[in-house]
Amino acid sequence: MVTQNITLCIGTGAHGKKVIVKCHDTGVNFFVRLEVFRHRQWRDVREPYAIPEGSTAIIKVAKPDKTFVLQDGEIIDNGIYFRMNEQTFTVSGISSAEVSLYGENGRRITTASFIIEVDDECICDCEEESETYVDILAEQIKAATEAADKVA
């Protein structure tokens, strides 16, 4: 298992923030910390973003072959931990990644993005094909939340 620590500034776009992995890597995890810009004394200063209590997080990765991955995150110590599915890295090239936070009411609070560069293997030892992957737990939580809202 390899955990890559990523710090993203909300509202600035990817701005060169890039993570590099090898095609077909498995056991890759991301730990994302979010920051915000504050204007002080005529210069921009970044400060940690406080993730609101009861928030949930998801990462969306658009792969170069137009398939995608949606993966739930776990909020730990004011950061977001993602256990990346092996489908995330099945296509070499540049993938766009977006981390979104949702409040207790299910509305999106904020989003931050970065780029994942998936490098070719020197010799491919994997026959796994790329496909769209949606985390089943996220779908079930959404369906349960909608059902609870209707009952309430």
Foldseek 3Di string as FASTA:
>chain_A
DAEDEEEFEFPPAAVPVEAEEAAQDAQYKYKYWYWYWDDDPNDTDIDTDQADPQKWKWKWKQDPVRAIEIFTWDQDPRITMTRDDSLRRNDAAKIKMKMWMAHNVRHTDTMTIHIYGHHYDPDDPDPDDHHHYYDPVVVVVVVVVVVVVVVD
